[in-house]
Amino acid sequence: MQDLAILKPESVAQAIALHGAGEGARYLAGGTDLVPNLRRNIQKAKTLIDVSGLAELHGIGVESQSLRIGAGVTLEDLCASEAVRRQAPLLAQAASQVAGPTHRAAGTVGGNLMQDTRCYFYNQSDFWRTANEYCMKCEGDTCRVAPKSDRCYACYSGDLAPALLVLGAEVDISGPTGNRREPLAALFADDGMRHLKLAPGDLLVSVDVPSQAGWSAGYEKVRMRGAIDFPLAGIAVALKRDGGRIAALRIACTGVNSYPGLVPGLDALCGKAPDDAFFAALDKAVRKEIQPMESTLTAAGYRRRVAGGLARRLVERLFEAAGA
């Protein structure tokens, strides 16, 4: 790991200014993703700008029926927040499944959302990657899971993103050109190397979650172990029930593409009863959206089947609970 300068700004504005003043600068909060990557030399930095102490990035509160969550809030505090459990319990559920307790005590909402994409051929020591002649994402020119492709298929594996996507969350971003709010979905791109649509110096400040009145939501994932490991496939579902039919439905995936995405085309299933025909169409829609590659120790086909199975199980459970 190379020598680094660590700067501690006193405000978001100062952090952005420091980022623009130095070459090779990166923001640092919990560091649970960035620091291991720096040690492995798969991410580079000359300067770390420690934003963990900025008051503007902290706090959880209700504003005009919306839930505002600072990007610097730790996952542990997110799980424990009464406001989160009351307004958006899905977030507490998803956050509680991230890694292990020590990771959640340090890792932040912003860091979990903007974590680097992952691949078996990328997240290795420099010695390991040297023997394999590197990969497109770091110092090489070939994607090891798709050698004939001109793009990287490293996989996004965050747990909070799919949950926030089905809740219709928006994000507040500050940067050299000013402040903006945009849908969370607009933050991501289907590219393993450039999966975040952020300009240099942009900093995620907070997440805004609208009122969830009438919605039932849940998140499940499959991983190698019951803790620590990233999802091989993760599914978040939010739905509204109207009698014996589903009135509204949102599903988002993680661990299967280079970005966390909402499954399109679900409006066609709304207004229908969740019968065998419904679930056949649902499974088809989910499988069509996801493109898992051989970027983990499990087969892509397995992850595709798991995603479809998780979606069905969540819809069945949430639909039943909504009618109780």
C-alpha atoms as a PDB file:
ATOM      1  CA  MET A   1       0.000   0.000   0.000  1.00  0.00           C
ATOM      2  CA  GLN A   2       1.461   3.343  -1.052  1.00  0.00           C
ATOM      3  CA  ASP A   3       1.958   6.341   1.220  1.00  0.00           C
ATOM      4  CA  LEU A   4      -1.092   8.564   1.526  1.00  0.00           C
ATOM      5  CA  ALA A   5      -1.919  12.041   2.734  1.00  0.00           C
ATOM      6  CA  ILE A   6      -5.091  12.228   4.833  1.00  0.00           C
ATOM      7  CA  LEU A   7      -6.997  15.514   5.012  1.00  0.00           C
ATOM      8  CA  LYS A   8      -9.898  16.290   7.374  1.00  0.00           C
ATOM      9  CA  PRO A   9     -12.144  19.048   5.987  1.00  0.00           C
ATOM     10  CA  GLU A  10     -14.580  20.947   8.193  1.00  0.00           C
ATOM     11  CA  SER A  11     -17.429  21.174   5.671  1.00  0.00           C
ATOM     12  CA  VAL A  12     -18.742  19.596   2.492  1.00  0.00           C
ATOM     13  CA  ALA A  13     -17.679  22.680   0.541  1.00  0.00           C
ATOM     14  CA  GLN A  14     -14.127  22.410   1.858  1.00  0.00           C
ATOM     15  CA  ALA A  15     -14.032  18.686   1.088  1.00  0.00           C
ATOM     16  CA  ILE A  16     -14.996  19.354  -2.519  1.00  0.00           C
ATOM     17  CA  ALA A  17     -12.387  22.117  -2.797  1.00  0.00           C
ATOM     18  CA  LEU A  18      -9.675  19.834  -1.402  1.00  0.00           C
ATOM     19  CA  HIS A  19     -10.676  17.106  -3.841  1.00  0.00           C
ATOM     20  CA  GLY A  20     -10.238  19.488  -6.756  1.00  0.00           C
ATOM     21  CA  ALA A  21      -6.904  20.819  -5.517  1.00  0.00           C
ATOM     22  CA  GLY A  22      -5.051  17.526  -5.405  1.00  0.00           C
ATOM     23  CA  GLU A  23      -4.360  14.826  -7.971  1.00  0.00           C
ATOM     24  CA  GLY A  24      -5.472  11.312  -7.085  1.00  0.00           C
ATOM     25  CA  ALA A  25      -7.822  12.328  -4.268  1.00  0.00           C
ATOM     26  CA  ARG A  26     -10.596  10.090  -2.936  1.00  0.00           C
ATOM     27  CA  TYR A  27     -13.250  10.588  -0.300  1.00  0.00           C
ATOM     28  CA  LEU A  28     -13.029   8.329   2.757  1.00  0.00           C
ATOM     29  CA  ALA A  29     -15.781   7.586   5.277  1.00  0.00           C
ATOM     30  CA  GLY A  30     -15.970   4.109   6.844  1.00  0.00           C
ATOM     31  CA  GLY A  31     -13.327   2.716   4.502  1.00  0.00           C
ATOM     32  CA  THR A  32     -14.601  -0.868   4.626  1.00  0.00           C
ATOM     33  CA  ASP A  33     -14.512  -1.109   0.817  1.00  0.00           C
ATOM     34  CA  LEU A  34     -11.894   1.472  -0.157  1.00  0.00           C
ATOM     35  CA  VAL A  35      -9.094   0.588   2.276  1.00  0.00           C
ATOM     36  CA  PRO A  36      -8.911  -3.141   1.357  1.00  0.00           C
ATOM     37  CA  ASN A  37      -8.900  -2.144  -2.309  1.00  0.00           C
ATOM     38  CA  LEU A  38      -6.043   0.300  -1.730  1.00  0.00           C
ATOM     39  CA  ARG A  39      -4.094  -2.396   0.074  1.00  0.00           C
ATOM     40  CA  ARG A  40      -4.581  -4.724  -2.866  1.00  0.00           C
ATOM     41  CA  ASN A  41      -3.541  -1.957  -5.247  1.00  0.00           C
ATOM     42  CA  ILE A  42      -6.743  -2.290  -7.267  1.00  0.00           C
ATOM     43  CA  GLN A  43      -7.791   1.259  -6.460  1.00  0.00           C
ATOM     44  CA  LYS A  44      -5.336   4.153  -6.391  1.00  0.00           C
ATOM     45  CA  ALA A  45      -5.110   7.302  -4.310  1.00  0.00           C
ATOM     46  CA  LYS A  46      -2.520   9.858  -3.288  1.00  0.00           C
ATOM     47  CA  THR A  47      -4.794  11.752  -0.929  1.00  0.00           C
ATOM     48  CA  LEU A  48      -7.715  10.605   1.196  1.00  0.00           C
ATOM     49  CA  ILE A  49     -10.247  13.232   2.209  1.00  0.00           C
ATOM     50  CA  ASP A  50     -11.808  12.018   5.446  1.00  0.00           C
ATOM     51  CA  VAL A  51     -15.463  13.106   5.428  1.00  0.00           C
ATOM     52  CA  SER A  52     -16.559  10.867   8.291  1.00  0.00           C
ATOM     53  CA  GLY A  53     -16.780  13.760  10.748  1.00  0.00           C
ATOM     54  CA  LEU A  54     -18.813  16.170   8.621  1.00  0.00           C
ATOM     55  CA  ALA A  55     -22.071  17.088  10.356  1.00  0.00           C
ATOM     56  CA  GLU A  56     -23.745  17.706   6.975  1.00  0.00           C
ATOM     57  CA  LEU A  57     -23.431  13.993   6.180  1.00  0.00           C
ATOM     58  CA  HIS A  58     -25.000  12.787   9.411  1.00  0.00           C
ATOM     59  CA  GLY A  59     -28.425  12.611  10.946  1.00  0.00           C
ATOM     60  CA  ILE A  60     -31.706  10.829  10.249  1.00  0.00           C
ATOM     61  CA  GLY A  61     -34.924  12.805  10.279  1.00  0.00           C
ATOM     62  CA  VAL A  62     -38.414  13.155   8.845  1.00  0.00           C
ATOM     63  CA  GLU A  63     -38.956  16.147   6.563  1.00  0.00           C
ATOM     64  CA  SER A  64     -42.378  16.720   4.930  1.00  0.00           C
ATOM     65  CA  GLN A  65     -43.306  13.028   5.232  1.00  0.00           C
ATOM     66  CA  SER A  66     -39.981  12.036   3.653  1.00  0.00           C
ATOM     67  CA  LEU A  67     -37.117  10.344   5.453  1.00  0.00           C
ATOM     68  CA  ARG A  68     -33.751  12.091   5.125  1.00  0.00           C
ATOM     69  CA  ILE A  69     -30.694   9.942   5.799  1.00  0.00           C
ATOM     70  CA  GLY A  70     -27.215  11.432   5.820  1.00  0.00           C
ATOM     71  CA  ALA A  71     -24.691   9.627   3.633  1.00  0.00           C
ATOM     72  CA  GLY A  72     -22.313   9.402   6.593  1.00  0.00           C
ATOM     73  CA  VAL A  73     -24.774   7.526   8.816  1.00  0.00           C
ATOM     74  CA  THR A  74     -23.337   4.133   9.700  1.00  0.00           C
ATOM     75  CA  LEU A  75     -25.214   0.978   8.811  1.00  0.00           C
ATOM     76  CA  GLU A  76     -25.345   0.118  12.503  1.00  0.00           C
ATOM     77  CA  ASP A  77     -27.096   3.403  13.282  1.00  0.00           C
ATOM     78  CA  LEU A  78     -29.419   2.913  10.309  1.00  0.00           C
ATOM     79  CA  CYS A  79     -30.521  -0.450  11.718  1.00  0.00           C
ATOM     80  CA  ALA A  80     -31.104   1.032  15.167  1.00  0.00           C
ATOM     81  CA  SER A  81     -32.983   4.165  14.073  1.00  0.00           C
ATOM     82  CA  GLU A  82     -36.591   4.337  15.269  1.00  0.00           C
ATOM     83  CA  ALA A  83     -37.415   6.722  12.405  1.00  0.00           C
ATOM     84  CA  VAL A  84     -36.107   4.220   9.856  1.00  0.00           C
ATOM     85  CA  ARG A  85     -37.924   1.291  11.461  1.00  0.00           C
ATOM     86  CA  ARG A  86     -41.143   3.298  11.455  1.00  0.00           C
ATOM     87  CA  GLN A  87     -40.926   5.013   8.044  1.00  0.00           C
ATOM     88  CA  ALA A  88     -38.921   2.518   5.964  1.00  0.00           C
ATOM     89  CA  PRO A  89     -38.327  -0.783   7.811  1.00  0.00           C
ATOM     90  CA  LEU A  90     -37.015  -2.317   4.594  1.00  0.00           C
ATOM     91  CA  LEU A  91     -33.833  -0.240   4.977  1.00  0.00           C
ATOM     92  CA  ALA A  92     -33.174  -1.575   8.461  1.00  0.00           C
ATOM     93  CA  GLN A  93     -33.772  -5.099   7.160  1.00  0.00           C
ATOM     94  CA  ALA A  94     -31.359  -4.682   4.230  1.00  0.00           C
ATOM     95  CA  ALA A  95     -28.699  -2.924   6.311  1.00  0.00           C
ATOM     96  CA  SER A  96     -28.797  -5.674   8.935  1.00  0.00           C
ATOM     97  CA  GLN A  97     -27.721  -8.176   6.266  1.00  0.00           C
ATOM     98  CA  VAL A  98     -24.584  -6.270   5.223  1.00  0.00           C
ATOM     99  CA  ALA A  99     -21.358  -8.157   6.062  1.00  0.00           C
ATOM    100  CA  GLY A 100     -20.822  -8.486   9.837  1.00  0.00           C
ATOM    101  CA  PRO A 101     -21.325  -6.332  12.953  1.00  0.00           C
ATOM    102  CA  THR A 102     -17.886  -4.703  12.829  1.00  0.00           C
ATOM    103  CA  HIS A 103     -18.370  -3.765   9.172  1.00  0.00           C
ATOM    104  CA  ARG A 104     -21.784  -2.258   9.913  1.00  0.00           C
ATOM    105  CA  ALA A 105     -20.306  -0.247  12.790  1.00  0.00           C
ATOM    106  CA  ALA A 106     -17.889   1.460  10.366  1.00  0.00           C
ATOM    107  CA  GLY A 107     -19.546   1.250   6.942  1.00  0.00           C
ATOM    108  CA  THR A 108     -21.827   4.089   5.878  1.00  0.00           C
ATOM    109  CA  VAL A 109     -24.953   4.532   3.795  1.00  0.00           C
ATOM    110  CA  GLY A 110     -23.045   6.472   1.148  1.00  0.00           C
ATOM    111  CA  GLY A 111     -20.188   4.013   1.062  1.00  0.00           C
ATOM    112  CA  ASN A 112     -22.514   1.048   0.672  1.00  0.00           C
ATOM    113  CA  LEU A 113     -24.304   2.734  -2.213  1.00  0.00           C
ATOM    114  CA  MET A 114     -21.139   3.776  -4.025  1.00  0.00           C
ATOM    115  CA  GLN A 115     -18.954   0.760  -3.361  1.00  0.00           C
ATOM    116  CA  ASP A 116     -16.764  -0.561  -6.139  1.00  0.00           C
ATOM    117  CA  THR A 117     -17.957  -3.372  -8.392  1.00  0.00           C
ATOM    118  CA  ARG A 118     -16.533  -6.815  -7.711  1.00  0.00           C
ATOM    119  CA  CYS A 119     -15.180  -9.797  -9.642  1.00  0.00           C
ATOM    120  CA  TYR A 120     -13.283 -12.959  -8.763  1.00  0.00           C
ATOM    121  CA  PHE A 121     -10.504 -11.905 -11.145  1.00  0.00           C
ATOM    122  CA  TYR A 122     -10.309  -8.350  -9.749  1.00  0.00           C
ATOM    123  CA  ASN A 123     -10.630  -8.605  -5.962  1.00  0.00           C
ATOM    124  CA  GLN A 124      -7.349 -10.420  -5.466  1.00  0.00           C
ATOM    125  CA  SER A 125      -3.823  -9.588  -4.348  1.00  0.00           C
ATOM    126  CA  ASP A 126      -1.410  -7.969  -6.767  1.00  0.00           C
ATOM    127  CA  PHE A 127       0.611 -11.211  -6.795  1.00  0.00           C
ATOM    128  CA  TRP A 128      -2.485 -13.239  -7.798  1.00  0.00           C
ATOM    129  CA  ARG A 129      -3.470 -10.790 -10.522  1.00  0.00           C
ATOM    130  CA  THR A 130       0.079 -10.640 -11.905  1.00  0.00           C
ATOM    131  CA  ALA A 131       0.016 -14.399 -12.450  1.00  0.00           C
ATOM    132  CA  ASN A 132      -3.261 -13.997 -14.359  1.00  0.00           C
ATOM    133  CA  GLU A 133      -2.004 -11.061 -16.449  1.00  0.00           C
ATOM    134  CA  TYR A 134      -4.433  -8.658 -14.783  1.00  0.00           C
ATOM    135  CA  CYS A 135      -7.875  -7.739 -16.146  1.00  0.00           C
ATOM    136  CA  MET A 136      -9.607  -4.900 -17.957  1.00  0.00           C
ATOM    137  CA  LYS A 137     -10.729  -3.224 -14.731  1.00  0.00           C
ATOM    138  CA  CYS A 138      -7.189  -2.864 -13.396  1.00  0.00           C
ATOM    139  CA  GLU A 139      -3.989  -2.706 -15.467  1.00  0.00           C
ATOM    140  CA  GLY A 140      -5.099  -5.216 -18.108  1.00  0.00           C
ATOM    141  CA  ASP A 141      -7.009  -5.054 -21.380  1.00  0.00           C
ATOM    142  CA  THR A 142      -9.197  -8.185 -21.243  1.00  0.00           C
ATOM    143  CA  CYS A 143     -12.308  -9.003 -19.232  1.00  0.00           C
ATOM    144  CA  ARG A 144     -11.489 -12.428 -17.785  1.00  0.00           C
ATOM    145  CA  VAL A 145     -15.129 -13.506 -17.598  1.00  0.00           C
ATOM    146  CA  ALA A 146     -15.902 -12.343 -21.159  1.00  0.00           C
ATOM    147  CA  PRO A 147     -12.588 -12.302 -23.073  1.00  0.00           C
ATOM    148  CA  LYS A 148     -14.182 -11.278 -26.378  1.00  0.00           C
ATOM    149  CA  SER A 149     -16.101  -8.375 -24.876  1.00  0.00           C
ATOM    150  CA  ASP A 150     -15.040  -4.742 -25.040  1.00  0.00           C
ATOM    151  CA  ARG A 151     -16.520  -3.976 -21.596  1.00  0.00           C
ATOM    152  CA  CYS A 152     -16.010  -5.022 -17.984  1.00  0.00           C
ATOM    153  CA  TYR A 153     -18.595  -7.256 -16.294  1.00  0.00           C
ATOM    154  CA  ALA A 154     -17.580  -6.741 -12.669  1.00  0.00           C
ATOM    155  CA  CYS A 155     -20.688  -7.001 -10.512  1.00  0.00           C
ATOM    156  CA  TYR A 156     -22.357  -4.485  -8.211  1.00  0.00           C
ATOM    157  CA  SER A 157     -23.049  -6.091  -4.837  1.00  0.00           C
ATOM    158  CA  GLY A 158     -24.488  -3.465  -2.475  1.00  0.00           C
ATOM    159  CA  ASP A 159     -27.471  -4.342  -0.282  1.00  0.00           C
ATOM    160  CA  LEU A 160     -28.972  -0.888   0.280  1.00  0.00           C
ATOM    161  CA  ALA A 161     -29.336   0.111  -3.376  1.00  0.00           C
ATOM    162  CA  PRO A 162     -32.086  -2.371  -4.362  1.00  0.00           C
ATOM    163  CA  ALA A 163     -34.022  -1.554  -1.193  1.00  0.00           C
ATOM    164  CA  LEU A 164     -33.809   2.180  -1.849  1.00  0.00           C
ATOM    165  CA  LEU A 165     -34.711   1.714  -5.513  1.00  0.00           C
ATOM    166  CA  VAL A 166     -38.018  -0.004  -4.754  1.00  0.00           C
ATOM    167  CA  LEU A 167     -38.754   2.739  -2.204  1.00  0.00           C
ATOM    168  CA  GLY A 168     -38.364   5.406  -4.898  1.00  0.00           C
ATOM    169  CA  ALA A 169     -35.425   7.107  -3.173  1.00  0.00           C
ATOM    170  CA  GLU A 170     -33.638  10.209  -4.414  1.00  0.00           C
ATOM    171  CA  VAL A 171     -30.091  11.343  -3.616  1.00  0.00           C
ATOM    172  CA  ASP A 172     -28.603  14.755  -2.886  1.00  0.00           C
ATOM    173  CA  ILE A 173     -25.186  15.285  -4.455  1.00  0.00           C
ATOM    174  CA  SER A 174     -22.794  18.203  -4.022  1.00  0.00           C
ATOM    175  CA  GLY A 175     -19.904  18.857  -6.368  1.00  0.00           C
ATOM    176  CA  PRO A 176     -17.731  21.476  -8.040  1.00  0.00           C
ATOM    177  CA  THR A 177     -20.672  22.597 -10.213  1.00  0.00           C
ATOM    178  CA  GLY A 178     -23.165  22.893  -7.341  1.00  0.00           C
ATOM    179  CA  ASN A 179     -25.872  20.836  -5.674  1.00  0.00           C
ATOM    180  CA  ARG A 180     -28.457  18.574  -7.299  1.00  0.00           C
ATOM    181  CA  ARG A 181     -31.108  16.021  -6.442  1.00  0.00           C
ATOM    182  CA  GLU A 182     -31.827  13.078  -8.711  1.00  0.00           C
ATOM    183  CA  PRO A 183     -33.442   9.635  -8.573  1.00  0.00           C
ATOM    184  CA  LEU A 184     -31.108   7.037  -7.130  1.00  0.00           C
ATOM    185  CA  ALA A 185     -31.523   4.990 -10.314  1.00  0.00           C
ATOM    186  CA  ALA A 186     -29.848   7.809 -12.284  1.00  0.00           C
ATOM    187  CA  LEU A 187     -26.646   7.323 -10.276  1.00  0.00           C
ATOM    188  CA  PHE A 188     -25.760   3.958 -11.834  1.00  0.00           C
ATOM    189  CA  ALA A 189     -24.560   2.754 -15.249  1.00  0.00           C
ATOM    190  CA  ASP A 190     -24.309  -0.767 -16.686  1.00  0.00           C
ATOM    191  CA  ASP A 191     -20.510  -0.773 -16.835  1.00  0.00           C
ATOM    192  CA  GLY A 192     -18.277  -2.660 -14.431  1.00  0.00           C
ATOM    193  CA  MET A 193     -15.489  -0.100 -14.738  1.00  0.00           C
ATOM    194  CA  ARG A 194     -17.589   3.080 -14.649  1.00  0.00           C
ATOM    195  CA  HIS A 195     -20.744   2.111 -12.777  1.00  0.00           C
ATOM    196  CA  LEU A 196     -21.275   5.500 -11.102  1.00  0.00           C
ATOM    197  CA  LYS A 197     -22.457   8.556 -13.020  1.00  0.00           C
ATOM    198  CA  LEU A 198     -20.523  11.028 -10.911  1.00  0.00           C
ATOM    199  CA  ALA A 199     -18.289  13.875 -12.022  1.00  0.00           C
ATOM    200  CA  PRO A 200     -14.853  14.269 -10.385  1.00  0.00           C
ATOM    201  CA  GLY A 201     -15.308  15.732  -6.918  1.00  0.00           C
ATOM    202  CA  ASP A 202     -18.997  14.853  -6.575  1.00  0.00           C
ATOM    203  CA  LEU A 203     -19.960  13.825  -3.049  1.00  0.00           C
ATOM    204  CA  LEU A 204     -23.133  12.024  -1.982  1.00  0.00           C
ATOM    205  CA  VAL A 205     -24.611  14.074   0.870  1.00  0.00           C
ATOM    206  CA  SER A 206     -27.922  12.418   1.738  1.00  0.00           C
ATOM    207  CA  VAL A 207     -30.699  10.073   0.659  1.00  0.00           C
ATOM    208  CA  ASP A 208     -34.378  11.060   0.604  1.00  0.00           C
ATOM    209  CA  VAL A 209     -37.006   8.312   0.961  1.00  0.00           C
ATOM    210  CA  PRO A 210     -40.639   9.295   0.248  1.00  0.00           C
ATOM    211  CA  SER A 211     -43.579   8.159   2.349  1.00  0.00           C
ATOM    212  CA  GLN A 212     -44.255   4.426   2.046  1.00  0.00           C
ATOM    213  CA  ALA A 213     -47.923   4.504   3.068  1.00  0.00           C
ATOM    214  CA  GLY A 214     -49.753   1.522   1.579  1.00  0.00           C
ATOM    215  CA  TRP A 215     -46.602  -0.309   0.491  1.00  0.00           C
ATOM    216  CA  SER A 216     -45.264  -3.608   1.814  1.00  0.00           C
ATOM    217  CA  ALA A 217     -41.581  -4.282   1.176  1.00  0.00           C
ATOM    218  CA  GLY A 218     -38.868  -6.857   1.817  1.00  0.00           C
ATOM    219  CA  TYR A 219     -35.319  -7.852   0.866  1.00  0.00           C
ATOM    220  CA  GLU A 220     -33.609 -11.229   0.615  1.00  0.00           C
ATOM    221  CA  LYS A 221     -30.270 -12.396  -0.684  1.00  0.00           C
ATOM    222  CA  VAL A 222     -28.270 -15.566  -1.146  1.00  0.00           C
ATOM    223  CA  ARG A 223     -24.582 -15.664  -0.213  1.00  0.00           C
ATOM    224  CA  MET A 224     -21.951 -18.306   0.438  1.00  0.00           C
ATOM    225  CA  ARG A 225     -22.083 -17.825   4.225  1.00  0.00           C
ATOM    226  CA  GLY A 226     -24.764 -16.401   6.476  1.00  0.00           C
ATOM    227  CA  ALA A 227     -22.618 -13.369   7.276  1.00  0.00           C
ATOM    228  CA  ILE A 228     -19.707 -11.337   5.874  1.00  0.00           C
ATOM    229  CA  ASP A 229     -20.128 -12.408   2.234  1.00  0.00           C
ATOM    230  CA  PHE A 230     -21.497 -10.244  -0.551  1.00  0.00           C
ATOM    231  CA  PRO A 231     -24.742 -11.331  -2.236  1.00  0.00           C
ATOM    232  CA  LEU A 232     -24.560 -13.808  -5.079  1.00  0.00           C
ATOM    233  CA  ALA A 233     -28.053 -12.549  -5.848  1.00  0.00           C
ATOM    234  CA  GLY A 234     -30.233 -10.126  -3.928  1.00  0.00           C
ATOM    235  CA  ILE A 235     -33.826  -9.043  -4.534  1.00  0.00           C
ATOM    236  CA  ALA A 236     -35.889  -6.214  -3.049  1.00  0.00           C
ATOM    237  CA  VAL A 237     -39.661  -6.112  -3.584  1.00  0.00           C
ATOM    238  CA  ALA A 238     -42.257  -3.458  -2.792  1.00  0.00           C
ATOM    239  CA  LEU A 239     -45.942  -3.992  -3.560  1.00  0.00           C
ATOM    240  CA  LYS A 240     -49.435  -2.715  -2.869  1.00  0.00           C
ATOM    241  CA  ARG A 241     -52.356  -5.102  -2.482  1.00  0.00           C
ATOM    242  CA  ASP A 242     -55.921  -4.394  -3.556  1.00  0.00           C
ATOM    243  CA  GLY A 243     -58.154  -7.243  -2.454  1.00  0.00           C
ATOM    244  CA  GLY A 244     -57.012 -10.386  -4.222  1.00  0.00           C
ATOM    245  CA  ARG A 245     -54.831  -8.542  -6.717  1.00  0.00           C
ATOM    246  CA  ILE A 246     -51.505  -6.754  -6.820  1.00  0.00           C
ATOM    247  CA  ALA A 247     -52.125  -3.054  -7.410  1.00  0.00           C
ATOM    248  CA  ALA A 248     -48.486  -1.937  -7.729  1.00  0.00           C
ATOM    249  CA  LEU A 249     -45.184  -3.793  -7.898  1.00  0.00           C
ATOM    250  CA  ARG A 250     -41.504  -2.845  -7.892  1.00  0.00           C
ATOM    251  CA  ILE A 251     -38.560  -5.249  -7.914  1.00  0.00           C
ATOM    252  CA  ALA A 252     -34.846  -4.406  -7.880  1.00  0.00           C
ATOM    253  CA  CYS A 253     -31.782  -6.652  -8.134  1.00  0.00           C
ATOM    254  CA  THR A 254     -28.224  -6.656  -6.825  1.00  0.00           C
ATOM    255  CA  GLY A 255     -25.301  -9.039  -7.171  1.00  0.00           C
ATOM    256  CA  VAL A 256     -26.233 -10.035 -10.717  1.00  0.00           C
ATOM    257  CA  ASN A 257     -25.394  -7.053 -12.959  1.00  0.00           C
ATOM    258  CA  SER A 258     -22.803  -4.288 -13.070  1.00  0.00           C
ATOM    259  CA  TYR A 259     -25.425  -1.983 -11.586  1.00  0.00           C
ATOM    260  CA  PRO A 260     -28.409  -2.317  -9.228  1.00  0.00           C
ATOM    261  CA  GLY A 261     -31.536  -1.951 -11.325  1.00  0.00           C
ATOM    262  CA  LEU A 262     -35.302  -1.970 -11.221  1.00  0.00           C
ATOM    263  CA  VAL A 263     -36.908  -4.775 -13.198  1.00  0.00           C
ATOM    264  CA  PRO A 264     -38.833  -3.145 -16.076  1.00  0.00           C
ATOM    265  CA  GLY A 265     -42.180  -4.198 -17.486  1.00  0.00           C
ATOM    266  CA  LEU A 266     -43.902  -5.013 -14.193  1.00  0.00           C
ATOM    267  CA  ASP A 267     -46.822  -2.661 -14.860  1.00  0.00           C
ATOM    268  CA  ALA A 268     -48.236  -5.416 -17.069  1.00  0.00           C
ATOM    269  CA  LEU A 269     -48.585  -7.614 -13.976  1.00  0.00           C
ATOM    270  CA  CYS A 270     -50.393  -5.034 -11.872  1.00  0.00           C
ATOM    271  CA  GLY A 271     -54.113  -5.590 -11.412  1.00  0.00           C
ATOM    272  CA  LYS A 272     -53.645  -9.357 -11.568  1.00  0.00           C
ATOM    273  CA  ALA A 273     -53.921 -12.058  -8.941  1.00  0.00           C
ATOM    274  CA  PRO A 274     -50.630 -13.768  -7.985  1.00  0.00           C
ATOM    275  CA  ASP A 275     -51.421 -17.134  -9.550  1.00  0.00           C
ATOM    276  CA  ASP A 276     -49.251 -19.546 -11.541  1.00  0.00           C
ATOM    277  CA  ALA A 277     -49.521 -17.475 -14.723  1.00  0.00           C
ATOM    278  CA  PHE A 278     -48.551 -14.352 -12.799  1.00  0.00           C
ATOM    279  CA  PHE A 279     -45.442 -15.971 -11.321  1.00  0.00           C
ATOM    280  CA  ALA A 280     -44.406 -17.451 -14.663  1.00  0.00           C
ATOM    281  CA  ALA A 281     -44.491 -13.954 -16.153  1.00  0.00           C
ATOM    282  CA  LEU A 282     -42.696 -12.543 -13.108  1.00  0.00           C
ATOM    283  CA  ASP A 283     -39.908 -15.109 -13.356  1.00  0.00           C
ATOM    284  CA  LYS A 284     -39.484 -14.313 -17.053  1.00  0.00           C
ATOM    285  CA  ALA A 285     -39.266 -10.571 -16.356  1.00  0.00           C
ATOM    286  CA  VAL A 286     -36.657 -11.006 -13.615  1.00  0.00           C
ATOM    287  CA  ARG A 287     -34.499 -13.404 -15.623  1.00  0.00           C
ATOM    288  CA  LYS A 288     -34.628 -11.105 -18.639  1.00  0.00           C
ATOM    289  CA  GLU A 289     -33.303  -8.176 -16.598  1.00  0.00           C
ATOM    290  CA  ILE A 290     -30.340  -9.876 -14.975  1.00  0.00           C
ATOM    291  CA  GLN A 291     -27.093 -10.824 -16.715  1.00  0.00           C
ATOM    292  CA  PRO A 292     -24.892 -12.647 -14.207  1.00  0.00           C
ATOM    293  CA  MET A 293     -21.468 -13.633 -15.487  1.00  0.00           C
ATOM    294  CA  GLU A 294     -18.896 -16.077 -14.122  1.00  0.00           C
ATOM    295  CA  SER A 295     -17.535 -13.357 -11.822  1.00  0.00           C
ATOM    296  CA  THR A 296     -18.015 -15.342  -8.592  1.00  0.00           C
ATOM    297  CA  LEU A 297     -17.407 -18.905  -7.465  1.00  0.00           C
ATOM    298  CA  THR A 298     -20.976 -19.852  -8.420  1.00  0.00           C
ATOM    299  CA  ALA A 299     -22.398 -20.444 -11.879  1.00  0.00           C
ATOM    300  CA  ALA A 300     -24.250 -17.659 -13.646  1.00  0.00           C
ATOM    301  CA  GLY A 301     -27.225 -19.943 -14.276  1.00  0.00           C
ATOM    302  CA  TYR A 302     -27.547 -20.650 -10.565  1.00  0.00           C
ATOM    303  CA  ARG A 303     -27.648 -16.938  -9.726  1.00  0.00           C
ATOM    304  CA  ARG A 304     -30.297 -16.362 -12.386  1.00  0.00           C
ATOM    305  CA  ARG A 305     -32.520 -19.112 -10.977  1.00  0.00           C
ATOM    306  CA  VAL A 306     -31.972 -17.884  -7.425  1.00  0.00           C
ATOM    307  CA  ALA A 307     -33.011 -14.345  -8.344  1.00  0.00           C
ATOM    308  CA  GLY A 308     -36.258 -15.591  -9.841  1.00  0.00           C
ATOM    309  CA  GLY A 309     -36.933 -17.766  -6.809  1.00  0.00           C
ATOM    310  CA  LEU A 310     -36.261 -14.948  -4.353  1.00  0.00           C
ATOM    311  CA  ALA A 311     -38.609 -12.634  -6.240  1.00  0.00           C
ATOM    312  CA  ARG A 312     -41.432 -15.167  -6.125  1.00  0.00           C
ATOM    313  CA  ARG A 313     -40.916 -15.935  -2.444  1.00  0.00           C
ATOM    314  CA  LEU A 314     -40.914 -12.265  -1.487  1.00  0.00           C
ATOM    315  CA  VAL A 315     -44.008 -11.437  -3.536  1.00  0.00           C
ATOM    316  CA  GLU A 316     -45.903 -14.374  -2.024  1.00  0.00           C
ATOM    317  CA  ARG A 317     -44.924 -13.450   1.513  1.00  0.00           C
ATOM    318  CA  LEU A 318     -45.565  -9.709   1.173  1.00  0.00           C
ATOM    319  CA  PHE A 319     -48.900 -10.250  -0.580  1.00  0.00           C
ATOM    320  CA  GLU A 320     -50.076 -12.538   2.191  1.00  0.00           C
ATOM    321  CA  ALA A 321     -48.871 -10.163   4.913  1.00  0.00           C
ATOM    322  CA  ALA A 322     -50.567  -7.184   3.237  1.00  0.00           C
ATOM    323  CA  GLY A 323     -53.905  -8.962   3.484  1.00  0.00           C
ATOM    324  CA  ALA A 324     -53.565  -9.947   7.116  1.00  0.00           C
END
